[in-house]
C-alpha atoms as a PDB file:
ATOM      1  CA  UNK A   1      -6.633 -70.462 -43.246  1.00  0.00           C
ATOM      2  CA  UNK A   2      -9.472 -67.900 -43.391  1.00  0.00           C
ATOM      3  CA  UNK A   3     -10.356 -68.395 -39.777  1.00  0.00           C
ATOM      4  CA  UNK A   4      -6.937 -68.003 -38.757  1.00  0.00           C
ATOM      5  CA  UNK A   5      -6.348 -64.684 -40.666  1.00  0.00           C
ATOM      6  CA  UNK A   6      -9.622 -63.336 -39.297  1.00  0.00           C
ATOM      7  CA  UNK A   7      -8.465 -64.202 -35.664  1.00  0.00           C
ATOM      8  CA  UNK A   8      -5.207 -62.586 -36.402  1.00  0.00           C
ATOM      9  CA  UNK A   9      -6.990 -59.399 -37.509  1.00  0.00           C
ATOM     10  CA  UNK A  10      -9.363 -59.485 -34.422  1.00  0.00           C
ATOM     11  CA  UNK A  11      -6.227 -59.968 -32.106  1.00  0.00           C
ATOM     12  CA  UNK A  12      -4.587 -56.999 -33.810  1.00  0.00           C
ATOM     13  CA  UNK A  13      -7.711 -54.807 -33.482  1.00  0.00           C
ATOM     14  CA  UNK A  14      -7.970 -55.636 -30.004  1.00  0.00           C
ATOM     15  CA  UNK A  15      -4.321 -55.015 -29.213  1.00  0.00           C
ATOM     16  CA  UNK A  16      -4.678 -51.535 -30.947  1.00  0.00           C
ATOM     17  CA  UNK A  17      -7.675 -50.678 -28.965  1.00  0.00           C
ATOM     18  CA  UNK A  18      -5.923 -51.499 -25.685  1.00  0.00           C
ATOM     19  CA  UNK A  19      -2.879 -49.645 -26.863  1.00  0.00           C
ATOM     20  CA  UNK A  20      -5.084 -46.536 -27.640  1.00  0.00           C
ATOM     21  CA  UNK A  21      -6.715 -46.803 -24.272  1.00  0.00           C
ATOM     22  CA  UNK A  22      -3.239 -46.954 -22.618  1.00  0.00           C
ATOM     23  CA  UNK A  23      -2.247 -43.855 -24.446  1.00  0.00           C
ATOM     24  CA  UNK A  24      -5.343 -42.123 -23.193  1.00  0.00           C
ATOM     25  CA  UNK A  25      -4.544 -43.031 -19.667  1.00  0.00           C
ATOM     26  CA  UNK A  26      -1.016 -41.988 -19.890  1.00  0.00           C
ATOM     27  CA  UNK A  27      -2.136 -38.744 -21.457  1.00  0.00           C
ATOM     28  CA  UNK A  28      -4.705 -37.819 -18.719  1.00  0.00           C
ATOM     29  CA  UNK A  29      -2.247 -37.444 -15.850  1.00  0.00           C
ATOM     30  CA  UNK A  30      -0.056 -35.217 -18.075  1.00  0.00           C
ATOM     31  CA  UNK A  31      -3.062 -32.947 -19.127  1.00  0.00           C
ATOM     32  CA  UNK A  32      -4.143 -32.892 -15.368  1.00  0.00           C
ATOM     33  CA  UNK A  33      -0.765 -31.809 -14.053  1.00  0.00           C
ATOM     34  CA  UNK A  34      -0.453 -29.157 -16.720  1.00  0.00           C
ATOM     35  CA  UNK A  35      -3.801 -27.549 -15.760  1.00  0.00           C
ATOM     36  CA  UNK A  36      -3.425 -28.004 -12.037  1.00  0.00           C
ATOM     37  CA  UNK A  37       0.204 -26.476 -11.469  1.00  0.00           C
ATOM     38  CA  UNK A  38      -1.103 -24.253  -8.722  1.00  0.00           C
ATOM     39  CA  UNK A  39      -1.988 -26.374  -5.512  1.00  0.00           C
ATOM     40  CA  UNK A  40      -2.624 -24.639  -2.218  1.00  0.00           C
ATOM     41  CA  UNK A  41      -0.141 -25.531   0.388  1.00  0.00           C
ATOM     42  CA  UNK A  42      -2.588 -25.250   3.252  1.00  0.00           C
ATOM     43  CA  UNK A  43      -5.822 -27.064   2.032  1.00  0.00           C
ATOM     44  CA  UNK A  44      -4.248 -28.931  -0.989  1.00  0.00           C
ATOM     45  CA  UNK A  45      -7.082 -27.651  -3.024  1.00  0.00           C
ATOM     46  CA  UNK A  46      -6.265 -27.356  -6.835  1.00  0.00           C
ATOM     47  CA  UNK A  47      -9.734 -26.018  -8.034  1.00  0.00           C
ATOM     48  CA  UNK A  48     -10.082 -22.862  -5.956  1.00  0.00           C
ATOM     49  CA  UNK A  49      -7.035 -21.048  -7.133  1.00  0.00           C
ATOM     50  CA  UNK A  50      -8.010 -17.357  -8.375  1.00  0.00           C
ATOM     51  CA  UNK A  51      -6.158 -14.412  -9.561  1.00  0.00           C
ATOM     52  CA  UNK A  52      -7.205 -10.906  -8.181  1.00  0.00           C
ATOM     53  CA  UNK A  53      -6.311  -8.433 -10.863  1.00  0.00           C
ATOM     54  CA  UNK A  54      -6.955  -5.354  -8.425  1.00  0.00           C
ATOM     55  CA  UNK A  55      -4.321  -6.550  -5.973  1.00  0.00           C
ATOM     56  CA  UNK A  56      -2.261  -8.582  -8.344  1.00  0.00           C
ATOM     57  CA  UNK A  57      -2.449 -11.645  -6.048  1.00  0.00           C
ATOM     58  CA  UNK A  58      -2.874 -15.505  -6.641  1.00  0.00           C
ATOM     59  CA  UNK A  59      -5.302 -16.510  -3.863  1.00  0.00           C
ATOM     60  CA  UNK A  60      -6.917 -19.717  -2.933  1.00  0.00           C
ATOM     61  CA  UNK A  61     -10.619 -19.217  -2.425  1.00  0.00           C
ATOM     62  CA  UNK A  62     -11.087 -22.074  -0.060  1.00  0.00           C
ATOM     63  CA  UNK A  63      -8.828 -21.165   2.801  1.00  0.00           C
ATOM     64  CA  UNK A  64      -7.528 -17.586   1.838  1.00  0.00           C
ATOM     65  CA  UNK A  65      -3.877 -18.560   1.244  1.00  0.00           C
ATOM     66  CA  UNK A  66      -1.975 -15.983  -0.806  1.00  0.00           C
ATOM     67  CA  UNK A  67       0.183 -17.978  -3.180  1.00  0.00           C
ATOM     68  CA  UNK A  68       1.788 -15.234  -5.107  1.00  0.00           C
ATOM     69  CA  UNK A  69       1.667 -11.456  -4.669  1.00  0.00           C
ATOM     70  CA  UNK A  70       2.886  -8.427  -6.651  1.00  0.00           C
ATOM     71  CA  UNK A  71       2.305 -10.283  -9.912  1.00  0.00           C
ATOM     72  CA  UNK A  72       2.862  -8.080 -12.858  1.00  0.00           C
ATOM     73  CA  UNK A  73       0.199  -8.331 -15.493  1.00  0.00           C
ATOM     74  CA  UNK A  74       1.633  -7.929 -18.966  1.00  0.00           C
ATOM     75  CA  UNK A  75      -1.822  -7.914 -20.659  1.00  0.00           C
ATOM     76  CA  UNK A  76      -2.909  -4.635 -22.292  1.00  0.00           C
ATOM     77  CA  UNK A  77      -5.821  -2.764 -20.834  1.00  0.00           C
ATOM     78  CA  UNK A  78      -7.637  -2.669 -24.482  1.00  0.00           C
ATOM     79  CA  UNK A  79      -9.056  -5.265 -26.842  1.00  0.00           C
ATOM     80  CA  UNK A  80      -8.212  -5.591 -30.581  1.00  0.00           C
ATOM     81  CA  UNK A  81     -10.626  -6.463 -33.209  1.00  0.00           C
ATOM     82  CA  UNK A  82      -8.331  -6.166 -36.239  1.00  0.00           C
ATOM     83  CA  UNK A  83      -4.674  -5.984 -37.262  1.00  0.00           C
ATOM     84  CA  UNK A  84      -4.812  -2.346 -37.597  1.00  0.00           C
ATOM     85  CA  UNK A  85      -5.762  -2.065 -33.950  1.00  0.00           C
ATOM     86  CA  UNK A  86      -3.026  -4.458 -32.909  1.00  0.00           C
ATOM     87  CA  UNK A  87      -0.573  -2.132 -34.701  1.00  0.00           C
ATOM     88  CA  UNK A  88      -1.867   1.345 -33.558  1.00  0.00           C
ATOM     89  CA  UNK A  89      -2.848   0.844 -29.940  1.00  0.00           C
ATOM     90  CA  UNK A  90      -0.466   0.832 -27.208  1.00  0.00           C
ATOM     91  CA  UNK A  91      -0.723   0.523 -23.470  1.00  0.00           C
ATOM     92  CA  UNK A  92      -2.936   3.198 -21.881  1.00  0.00           C
ATOM     93  CA  UNK A  93      -1.511   5.912 -19.724  1.00  0.00           C
ATOM     94  CA  UNK A  94      -1.170   6.204 -15.884  1.00  0.00           C
ATOM     95  CA  UNK A  95      -4.107   4.725 -13.741  1.00  0.00           C
ATOM     96  CA  UNK A  96      -6.706   6.871 -11.949  1.00  0.00           C
ATOM     97  CA  UNK A  97      -5.553   7.969  -8.442  1.00  0.00           C
ATOM     98  CA  UNK A  98      -7.200  10.088  -5.816  1.00  0.00           C
ATOM     99  CA  UNK A  99      -3.646  11.880  -5.299  1.00  0.00           C
ATOM    100  CA  UNK A 100      -4.146  13.743  -8.554  1.00  0.00           C
ATOM    101  CA  UNK A 101      -6.353  16.853  -8.622  1.00  0.00           C
ATOM    102  CA  UNK A 102      -8.267  15.706 -11.567  1.00  0.00           C
ATOM    103  CA  UNK A 103      -8.010  11.979 -10.555  1.00  0.00           C
ATOM    104  CA  UNK A 104      -5.996  11.454 -13.776  1.00  0.00           C
ATOM    105  CA  UNK A 105      -9.140  11.740 -15.939  1.00  0.00           C
ATOM    106  CA  UNK A 106      -8.632  15.182 -17.420  1.00  0.00           C
ATOM    107  CA  UNK A 107      -8.653  16.003 -21.157  1.00  0.00           C
ATOM    108  CA  UNK A 108      -5.447  17.374 -22.716  1.00  0.00           C
ATOM    109  CA  UNK A 109      -5.249  19.053 -26.235  1.00  0.00           C
ATOM    110  CA  UNK A 110      -1.989  18.265 -27.910  1.00  0.00           C
ATOM    111  CA  UNK A 111       0.149  21.315 -29.298  1.00  0.00           C
ATOM    112  CA  UNK A 112       0.743  19.416 -32.500  1.00  0.00           C
ATOM    113  CA  UNK A 113      -1.308  20.745 -35.446  1.00  0.00           C
ATOM    114  CA  UNK A 114      -2.254  17.540 -36.737  1.00  0.00           C
ATOM    115  CA  UNK A 115      -5.784  15.908 -36.498  1.00  0.00           C
ATOM    116  CA  UNK A 116      -6.555  12.311 -35.367  1.00  0.00           C
ATOM    117  CA  UNK A 117      -5.496  10.810 -38.808  1.00  0.00           C
ATOM    118  CA  UNK A 118      -2.221  12.595 -38.821  1.00  0.00           C
ATOM    119  CA  UNK A 119      -3.171  15.107 -41.484  1.00  0.00           C
ATOM    120  CA  UNK A 120      -2.067  18.753 -40.963  1.00  0.00           C
ATOM    121  CA  UNK A 121      -4.772  21.060 -39.744  1.00  0.00           C
ATOM    122  CA  UNK A 122      -5.814  23.828 -42.397  1.00  0.00           C
ATOM    123  CA  UNK A 123      -4.351  27.281 -41.693  1.00  0.00           C
ATOM    124  CA  UNK A 124      -7.775  28.789 -41.125  1.00  0.00           C
ATOM    125  CA  UNK A 125      -8.709  26.262 -38.379  1.00  0.00           C
ATOM    126  CA  UNK A 126      -5.537  26.802 -36.385  1.00  0.00           C
ATOM    127  CA  UNK A 127      -6.692  29.826 -34.621  1.00  0.00           C
ATOM    128  CA  UNK A 128      -9.890  28.104 -33.447  1.00  0.00           C
ATOM    129  CA  UNK A 129      -7.731  25.047 -32.303  1.00  0.00           C
ATOM    130  CA  UNK A 130      -5.528  27.617 -30.314  1.00  0.00           C
ATOM    131  CA  UNK A 131      -8.383  29.045 -28.590  1.00  0.00           C
ATOM    132  CA  UNK A 132      -9.753  25.765 -27.574  1.00  0.00           C
ATOM    133  CA  UNK A 133      -6.330  24.876 -26.023  1.00  0.00           C
ATOM    134  CA  UNK A 134      -6.382  28.067 -24.114  1.00  0.00           C
ATOM    135  CA  UNK A 135      -9.946  27.744 -22.747  1.00  0.00           C
ATOM    136  CA  UNK A 136      -9.150  23.979 -22.000  1.00  0.00           C
ATOM    137  CA  UNK A 137      -6.125  24.989 -20.016  1.00  0.00           C
ATOM    138  CA  UNK A 138      -7.976  27.801 -18.086  1.00  0.00           C
ATOM    139  CA  UNK A 139     -11.095  25.755 -17.287  1.00  0.00           C
ATOM    140  CA  UNK A 140      -8.804  22.993 -15.620  1.00  0.00           C
ATOM    141  CA  UNK A 141      -7.426  25.572 -13.210  1.00  0.00           C
ATOM    142  CA  UNK A 142     -10.352  27.974 -12.917  1.00  0.00           C
ATOM    143  CA  UNK A 143     -11.908  26.533  -9.907  1.00  0.00           C
ATOM    144  CA  UNK A 144     -10.393  27.334  -6.684  1.00  0.00           C
ATOM    145  CA  UNK A 145     -11.215  23.748  -5.534  1.00  0.00           C
ATOM    146  CA  UNK A 146      -8.809  22.364  -8.171  1.00  0.00           C
ATOM    147  CA  UNK A 147      -6.063  24.876  -7.203  1.00  0.00           C
ATOM    148  CA  UNK A 148      -6.281  23.898  -3.566  1.00  0.00           C
ATOM    149  CA  UNK A 149      -5.953  20.142  -4.481  1.00  0.00           C
ATOM    150  CA  UNK A 150      -3.000  20.998  -6.704  1.00  0.00           C
ATOM    151  CA  UNK A 151      -1.090  22.485  -3.735  1.00  0.00           C
ATOM    152  CA  UNK A 152      -2.003  19.917  -1.276  1.00  0.00           C
ATOM    153  CA  UNK A 153      -1.213  17.115  -3.363  1.00  0.00           C
ATOM    154  CA  UNK A 154       2.282  18.672  -4.149  1.00  0.00           C
ATOM    155  CA  UNK A 155       3.034  18.672  -0.453  1.00  0.00           C
ATOM    156  CA  UNK A 156       1.645  15.274   0.000  1.00  0.00           C
ATOM    157  CA  UNK A 157       3.762  13.725  -2.622  1.00  0.00           C
ATOM    158  CA  UNK A 158       6.801  15.419  -1.024  1.00  0.00           C
ATOM    159  CA  UNK A 159       5.885  13.914   2.180  1.00  0.00           C
ATOM    160  CA  UNK A 160       5.552  10.412   0.659  1.00  0.00           C
ATOM    161  CA  UNK A 161       9.010  10.597  -0.959  1.00  0.00           C
ATOM    162  CA  UNK A 162      10.776  11.723   2.173  1.00  0.00           C
ATOM    163  CA  UNK A 163       8.988   9.393   4.459  1.00  0.00           C
ATOM    164  CA  UNK A 164       8.925   6.286   1.961  1.00  0.00           C
ATOM    165  CA  UNK A 165       5.231   5.713   2.625  1.00  0.00           C
ATOM    166  CA  UNK A 166       3.429   3.252   0.555  1.00  0.00           C
ATOM    167  CA  UNK A 167       0.853   3.923  -2.237  1.00  0.00           C
ATOM    168  CA  UNK A 168      -1.996   2.772  -0.004  1.00  0.00           C
ATOM    169  CA  UNK A 169      -1.247   5.482   2.505  1.00  0.00           C
ATOM    170  CA  UNK A 170      -0.841   7.900  -0.233  1.00  0.00           C
ATOM    171  CA  UNK A 171      -4.310   7.194  -1.549  1.00  0.00           C
ATOM    172  CA  UNK A 172      -6.038   7.247   1.978  1.00  0.00           C
ATOM    173  CA  UNK A 173      -4.343  10.601   2.762  1.00  0.00           C
ATOM    174  CA  UNK A 174      -5.654  11.882  -0.436  1.00  0.00           C
ATOM    175  CA  UNK A 175      -9.120  10.639   0.421  1.00  0.00           C
ATOM    176  CA  UNK A 176      -9.103  12.145   3.888  1.00  0.00           C
ATOM    177  CA  UNK A 177      -8.023  15.639   2.457  1.00  0.00           C
ATOM    178  CA  UNK A 178     -10.699  15.483  -0.080  1.00  0.00           C
ATOM    179  CA  UNK A 179     -13.275  14.720   2.464  1.00  0.00           C
ATOM    180  CA  UNK A 180     -12.062  17.434   4.525  1.00  0.00           C
ATOM    181  CA  UNK A 181     -12.295  20.028   1.561  1.00  0.00           C
ATOM    182  CA  UNK A 182     -15.954  18.822   0.708  1.00  0.00           C
ATOM    183  CA  UNK A 183     -16.834  19.640   4.668  1.00  0.00           C
ATOM    184  CA  UNK A 184     -15.081  23.028   4.330  1.00  0.00           C
ATOM    185  CA  UNK A 185     -12.728  22.123   7.213  1.00  0.00           C
ATOM    186  CA  UNK A 186     -10.054  23.903   5.144  1.00  0.00           C
ATOM    187  CA  UNK A 187     -11.505  27.193   5.323  1.00  0.00           C
ATOM    188  CA  UNK A 188      -9.370  29.547   7.486  1.00  0.00           C
ATOM    189  CA  UNK A 189      -6.702  27.020   8.053  1.00  0.00           C
ATOM    190  CA  UNK A 190      -3.359  25.938   6.640  1.00  0.00           C
ATOM    191  CA  UNK A 191      -3.394  23.695   3.626  1.00  0.00           C
ATOM    192  CA  UNK A 192       0.060  22.188   4.767  1.00  0.00           C
ATOM    193  CA  UNK A 193      -1.113  21.501   8.396  1.00  0.00           C
ATOM    194  CA  UNK A 194      -4.238  19.727   7.129  1.00  0.00           C
ATOM    195  CA  UNK A 195      -2.246  17.602   4.735  1.00  0.00           C
ATOM    196  CA  UNK A 196       0.001  16.643   7.660  1.00  0.00           C
ATOM    197  CA  UNK A 197      -3.178  15.658   9.757  1.00  0.00           C
ATOM    198  CA  UNK A 198      -4.391  13.520   6.769  1.00  0.00           C
ATOM    199  CA  UNK A 199      -1.200  11.724   6.416  1.00  0.00           C
ATOM    200  CA  UNK A 200      -1.050  11.141  10.108  1.00  0.00           C
ATOM    201  CA  UNK A 201      -4.674   9.655  10.071  1.00  0.00           C
ATOM    202  CA  UNK A 202      -3.689   7.318   7.296  1.00  0.00           C
ATOM    203  CA  UNK A 203      -0.682   6.188   9.202  1.00  0.00           C
ATOM    204  CA  UNK A 204      -2.761   5.529  12.206  1.00  0.00           C
ATOM    205  CA  UNK A 205      -5.290   3.679  10.071  1.00  0.00           C
ATOM    206  CA  UNK A 206      -2.551   1.383   8.566  1.00  0.00           C
ATOM    207  CA  UNK A 207      -0.699   0.847  11.924  1.00  0.00           C
ATOM    208  CA  UNK A 208       2.527   2.562  10.543  1.00  0.00           C
ATOM    209  CA  UNK A 209       4.521   4.014  13.415  1.00  0.00           C
ATOM    210  CA  UNK A 210       4.940   7.562  12.139  1.00  0.00           C
ATOM    211  CA  UNK A 211       4.326  10.449  14.695  1.00  0.00           C
ATOM    212  CA  UNK A 212       2.578  13.714  14.168  1.00  0.00           C
ATOM    213  CA  UNK A 213       5.928  15.568  14.964  1.00  0.00           C
ATOM    214  CA  UNK A 214       7.898  13.653  12.553  1.00  0.00           C
ATOM    215  CA  UNK A 215       5.487  14.178   9.604  1.00  0.00           C
ATOM    216  CA  UNK A 216       4.973  17.878  10.521  1.00  0.00           C
ATOM    217  CA  UNK A 217       8.765  18.243  10.478  1.00  0.00           C
ATOM    218  CA  UNK A 218       9.111  16.740   6.944  1.00  0.00           C
ATOM    219  CA  UNK A 219       6.409  19.052   5.823  1.00  0.00           C
ATOM    220  CA  UNK A 220       7.912  22.028   7.393  1.00  0.00           C
ATOM    221  CA  UNK A 221       4.562  22.666   9.332  1.00  0.00           C
ATOM    222  CA  UNK A 222       3.672  23.727  12.757  1.00  0.00           C
ATOM    223  CA  UNK A 223       3.119  20.438  14.842  1.00  0.00           C
ATOM    224  CA  UNK A 224       0.897  22.083  17.447  1.00  0.00           C
ATOM    225  CA  UNK A 225      -1.517  23.553  14.520  1.00  0.00           C
ATOM    226  CA  UNK A 226      -1.384  20.204  12.744  1.00  0.00           C
ATOM    227  CA  UNK A 227      -2.465  18.505  15.893  1.00  0.00           C
ATOM    228  CA  UNK A 228      -5.654  20.834  16.184  1.00  0.00           C
ATOM    229  CA  UNK A 229      -6.380  19.880  12.463  1.00  0.00           C
ATOM    230  CA  UNK A 230      -5.991  16.192  13.255  1.00  0.00           C
ATOM    231  CA  UNK A 231      -8.498  16.483  16.125  1.00  0.00           C
ATOM    232  CA  UNK A 232     -10.902  18.244  13.880  1.00  0.00           C
ATOM    233  CA  UNK A 233     -10.472  15.768  11.320  1.00  0.00           C
ATOM    234  CA  UNK A 234     -11.326  13.138  13.627  1.00  0.00           C
ATOM    235  CA  UNK A 235     -14.408  14.919  14.784  1.00  0.00           C
ATOM    236  CA  UNK A 236     -15.820  15.766  11.298  1.00  0.00           C
ATOM    237  CA  UNK A 237     -14.938  12.612   9.626  1.00  0.00           C
ATOM    238  CA  UNK A 238     -15.949  10.325  12.599  1.00  0.00           C
ATOM    239  CA  UNK A 239     -12.632   8.469  12.518  1.00  0.00           C
ATOM    240  CA  UNK A 240     -11.949   5.887  15.244  1.00  0.00           C
ATOM    241  CA  UNK A 241      -8.573   4.177  15.370  1.00  0.00           C
ATOM    242  CA  UNK A 242      -7.083   1.736  17.865  1.00  0.00           C
ATOM    243  CA  UNK A 243      -4.141   2.622  20.045  1.00  0.00           C
ATOM    244  CA  UNK A 244      -0.865   1.883  18.400  1.00  0.00           C
ATOM    245  CA  UNK A 245       0.817  -1.291  19.693  1.00  0.00           C
ATOM    246  CA  UNK A 246       4.239  -0.502  21.435  1.00  0.00           C
ATOM    247  CA  UNK A 247       5.844  -3.280  19.411  1.00  0.00           C
ATOM    248  CA  UNK A 248       5.439  -1.369  16.249  1.00  0.00           C
ATOM    249  CA  UNK A 249       7.726   1.494  17.775  1.00  0.00           C
ATOM    250  CA  UNK A 250      10.207  -1.056  19.284  1.00  0.00           C
ATOM    251  CA  UNK A 251      11.732  -2.239  16.022  1.00  0.00           C
ATOM    252  CA  UNK A 252      12.307   1.151  14.793  1.00  0.00           C
ATOM    253  CA  UNK A 253      13.868   2.300  18.144  1.00  0.00           C
ATOM    254  CA  UNK A 254      16.276  -0.841  18.083  1.00  0.00           C
ATOM    255  CA  UNK A 255      17.532   0.027  14.556  1.00  0.00           C
ATOM    256  CA  UNK A 256      18.183   3.606  15.504  1.00  0.00           C
ATOM    257  CA  UNK A 257      19.869   2.661  18.854  1.00  0.00           C
ATOM    258  CA  UNK A 258      21.980  -0.181  17.450  1.00  0.00           C
ATOM    259  CA  UNK A 259      20.898  -2.540  20.086  1.00  0.00           C
ATOM    260  CA  UNK A 260      21.659  -6.277  19.820  1.00  0.00           C
ATOM    261  CA  UNK A 261      18.991  -8.896  18.708  1.00  0.00           C
ATOM    262  CA  UNK A 262      19.170 -10.398  22.108  1.00  0.00           C
ATOM    263  CA  UNK A 263      18.111  -7.331  23.942  1.00  0.00           C
ATOM    264  CA  UNK A 264      15.410  -6.897  21.456  1.00  0.00           C
ATOM    265  CA  UNK A 265      13.845 -10.124  21.865  1.00  0.00           C
ATOM    266  CA  UNK A 266      14.013  -9.520  25.790  1.00  0.00           C
ATOM    267  CA  UNK A 267      12.255  -6.094  25.421  1.00  0.00           C
ATOM    268  CA  UNK A 268       9.460  -7.852  23.358  1.00  0.00           C
ATOM    269  CA  UNK A 269       8.881 -10.194  26.263  1.00  0.00           C
ATOM    270  CA  UNK A 270       8.853  -7.538  28.695  1.00  0.00           C
ATOM    271  CA  UNK A 271       6.574  -5.518  26.782  1.00  0.00           C
ATOM    272  CA  UNK A 272       3.974  -8.286  26.501  1.00  0.00           C
ATOM    273  CA  UNK A 273       3.830  -8.470  30.257  1.00  0.00           C
ATOM    274  CA  UNK A 274       3.778  -4.513  30.747  1.00  0.00           C
ATOM    275  CA  UNK A 275       0.793  -4.077  28.496  1.00  0.00           C
ATOM    276  CA  UNK A 276      -1.301  -6.495  30.430  1.00  0.00           C
ATOM    277  CA  UNK A 277      -0.676  -4.544  33.522  1.00  0.00           C
ATOM    278  CA  UNK A 278      -3.095  -1.749  34.398  1.00  0.00           C
ATOM    279  CA  UNK A 279      -0.170   0.702  35.159  1.00  0.00           C
ATOM    280  CA  UNK A 280       0.469   0.911  31.513  1.00  0.00           C
ATOM    281  CA  UNK A 281      -3.069   2.124  30.586  1.00  0.00           C
ATOM    282  CA  UNK A 282      -3.189   5.645  29.306  1.00  0.00           C
ATOM    283  CA  UNK A 283       0.655   5.813  28.840  1.00  0.00           C
ATOM    284  CA  UNK A 284       2.270   6.727  25.550  1.00  0.00           C
ATOM    285  CA  UNK A 285       3.138   3.412  23.710  1.00  0.00           C
ATOM    286  CA  UNK A 286       6.536   4.885  22.347  1.00  0.00           C
ATOM    287  CA  UNK A 287       7.467   5.813  25.821  1.00  0.00           C
ATOM    288  CA  UNK A 288       6.721   2.287  27.161  1.00  0.00           C
ATOM    289  CA  UNK A 289       8.858   0.854  24.296  1.00  0.00           C
ATOM    290  CA  UNK A 290      11.724   3.079  25.089  1.00  0.00           C
ATOM    291  CA  UNK A 291      11.541   2.316  28.834  1.00  0.00           C
ATOM    292  CA  UNK A 292      11.336  -1.520  28.126  1.00  0.00           C
ATOM    293  CA  UNK A 293      14.293  -1.518  25.650  1.00  0.00           C
ATOM    294  CA  UNK A 294      16.332   0.286  28.209  1.00  0.00           C
ATOM    295  CA  UNK A 295      15.233  -2.272  30.963  1.00  0.00           C
ATOM    296  CA  UNK A 296      16.292  -5.059  28.522  1.00  0.00           C
ATOM    297  CA  UNK A 297      19.691  -3.659  27.821  1.00  0.00           C
ATOM    298  CA  UNK A 298      20.262  -3.382  31.583  1.00  0.00           C
ATOM    299  CA  UNK A 299      19.082  -7.028  32.012  1.00  0.00           C
ATOM    300  CA  UNK A 300      21.358  -8.204  29.321  1.00  0.00           C
ATOM    301  CA  UNK A 301      24.295  -6.273  30.400  1.00  0.00           C
ATOM    302  CA  UNK A 302      24.679  -4.000  27.433  1.00  0.00           C
ATOM    303  CA  UNK A 303      26.259  -0.588  27.799  1.00  0.00           C
ATOM    304  CA  UNK A 304      23.673   1.901  26.589  1.00  0.00           C
ATOM    305  CA  UNK A 305      23.024   5.399  28.122  1.00  0.00           C
ATOM    306  CA  UNK A 306      19.619   7.003  28.704  1.00  0.00           C
ATOM    307  CA  UNK A 307      20.464   9.714  26.366  1.00  0.00           C
ATOM    308  CA  UNK A 308      21.218   7.150  23.473  1.00  0.00           C
ATOM    309  CA  UNK A 309      17.843   5.292  24.141  1.00  0.00           C
ATOM    310  CA  UNK A 310      15.961   8.624  24.374  1.00  0.00           C
ATOM    311  CA  UNK A 311      17.288  10.193  21.340  1.00  0.00           C
ATOM    312  CA  UNK A 312      16.471   6.862  19.273  1.00  0.00           C
ATOM    313  CA  UNK A 313      12.928   6.845  20.626  1.00  0.00           C
ATOM    314  CA  UNK A 314      12.426  10.599  20.145  1.00  0.00           C
ATOM    315  CA  UNK A 315      11.354  11.058  23.673  1.00  0.00           C
ATOM    316  CA  UNK A 316      12.839  13.116  26.560  1.00  0.00           C
ATOM    317  CA  UNK A 317      15.065  11.707  29.252  1.00  0.00           C
ATOM    318  CA  UNK A 318      12.493  12.523  32.022  1.00  0.00           C
ATOM    319  CA  UNK A 319       9.796  10.741  30.238  1.00  0.00           C
ATOM    320  CA  UNK A 320      12.202   7.742  29.875  1.00  0.00           C
ATOM    321  CA  UNK A 321      12.950   7.730  33.653  1.00  0.00           C
ATOM    322  CA  UNK A 322       9.229   7.786  34.509  1.00  0.00           C
ATOM    323  CA  UNK A 323       8.191   4.939  32.402  1.00  0.00           C
ATOM    324  CA  UNK A 324      11.255   3.175  33.465  1.00  0.00           C
ATOM    325  CA  UNK A 325      10.036   3.267  37.143  1.00  0.00           C
ATOM    326  CA  UNK A 326       6.677   1.874  35.936  1.00  0.00           C
ATOM    327  CA  UNK A 327       8.429  -1.090  34.135  1.00  0.00           C
ATOM    328  CA  UNK A 328      10.519  -1.778  37.303  1.00  0.00           C
ATOM    329  CA  UNK A 329       7.540  -1.751  39.333  1.00  0.00           C
ATOM    330  CA  UNK A 330       5.813  -4.439  37.213  1.00  0.00           C
ATOM    331  CA  UNK A 331       8.940  -6.415  36.447  1.00  0.00           C
ATOM    332  CA  UNK A 332      11.394  -5.930  39.496  1.00  0.00           C
END
């Protein structure tokens, strides 16, 4: 009787042990699946997923695959050490940027006559605070360097809004202008023309198909003088850019000319052959794109005029005819 009771207890304890082990085994995949939600689709690696806070991208550090981009970070830029900090602190202001004359790091004295604790300032100290406000405002605009940057970045923001340029191009343009100002290139030259040159240099670096004439027209500046400033900027800052690919201009011309997708694909095939031929060396990439698109339209039987294609490509009809002869020489 006693032996049977002991055996029953042993069997129950063994069953409990196995059931606990089964529960642990069943729990492990759940925990692993919760911790390895992000899996790279290229290398199937789940231990190399990292988040880049500067670019707001989730990247696989093994193969470089970008899983998510433009991820918004909802975390605050400050840390809390007590309940009072959590209640009082809010999100900080605008980020630092080169497109601000003070990079967004200047001080500002409020016009309210309250101190940091919210207590009203005594009447005998208000005159001193008012003088501090006045000198702080004067000191921020006292140097010609800051006044120059204010005028230049106002023009730069206007160009950015009209041409729908990205923030990266805006920052690079501001960087180019600051370097030009440090090297005193601006002395005796137009601020507006040098801003146009800085924007065009940034567009060339990021392979954005914007011409100097287009940017100068947007900024209401002289394109000839802006070109001189651009060449000076290239020499002084030692900038070296690759020649723009004609394919970058082609999509923009197709949208303006309202050409079919079939002709667009045909023009891409023709451009790939034309660019490998020595006849195209030294030619304007935009003119080659216009000529290839016109030739593709003729091949596909689309009724387009030379004037329509030339206006869409912002080139002259004479240039279109000359480059079209080169395309026909390569692709008869």
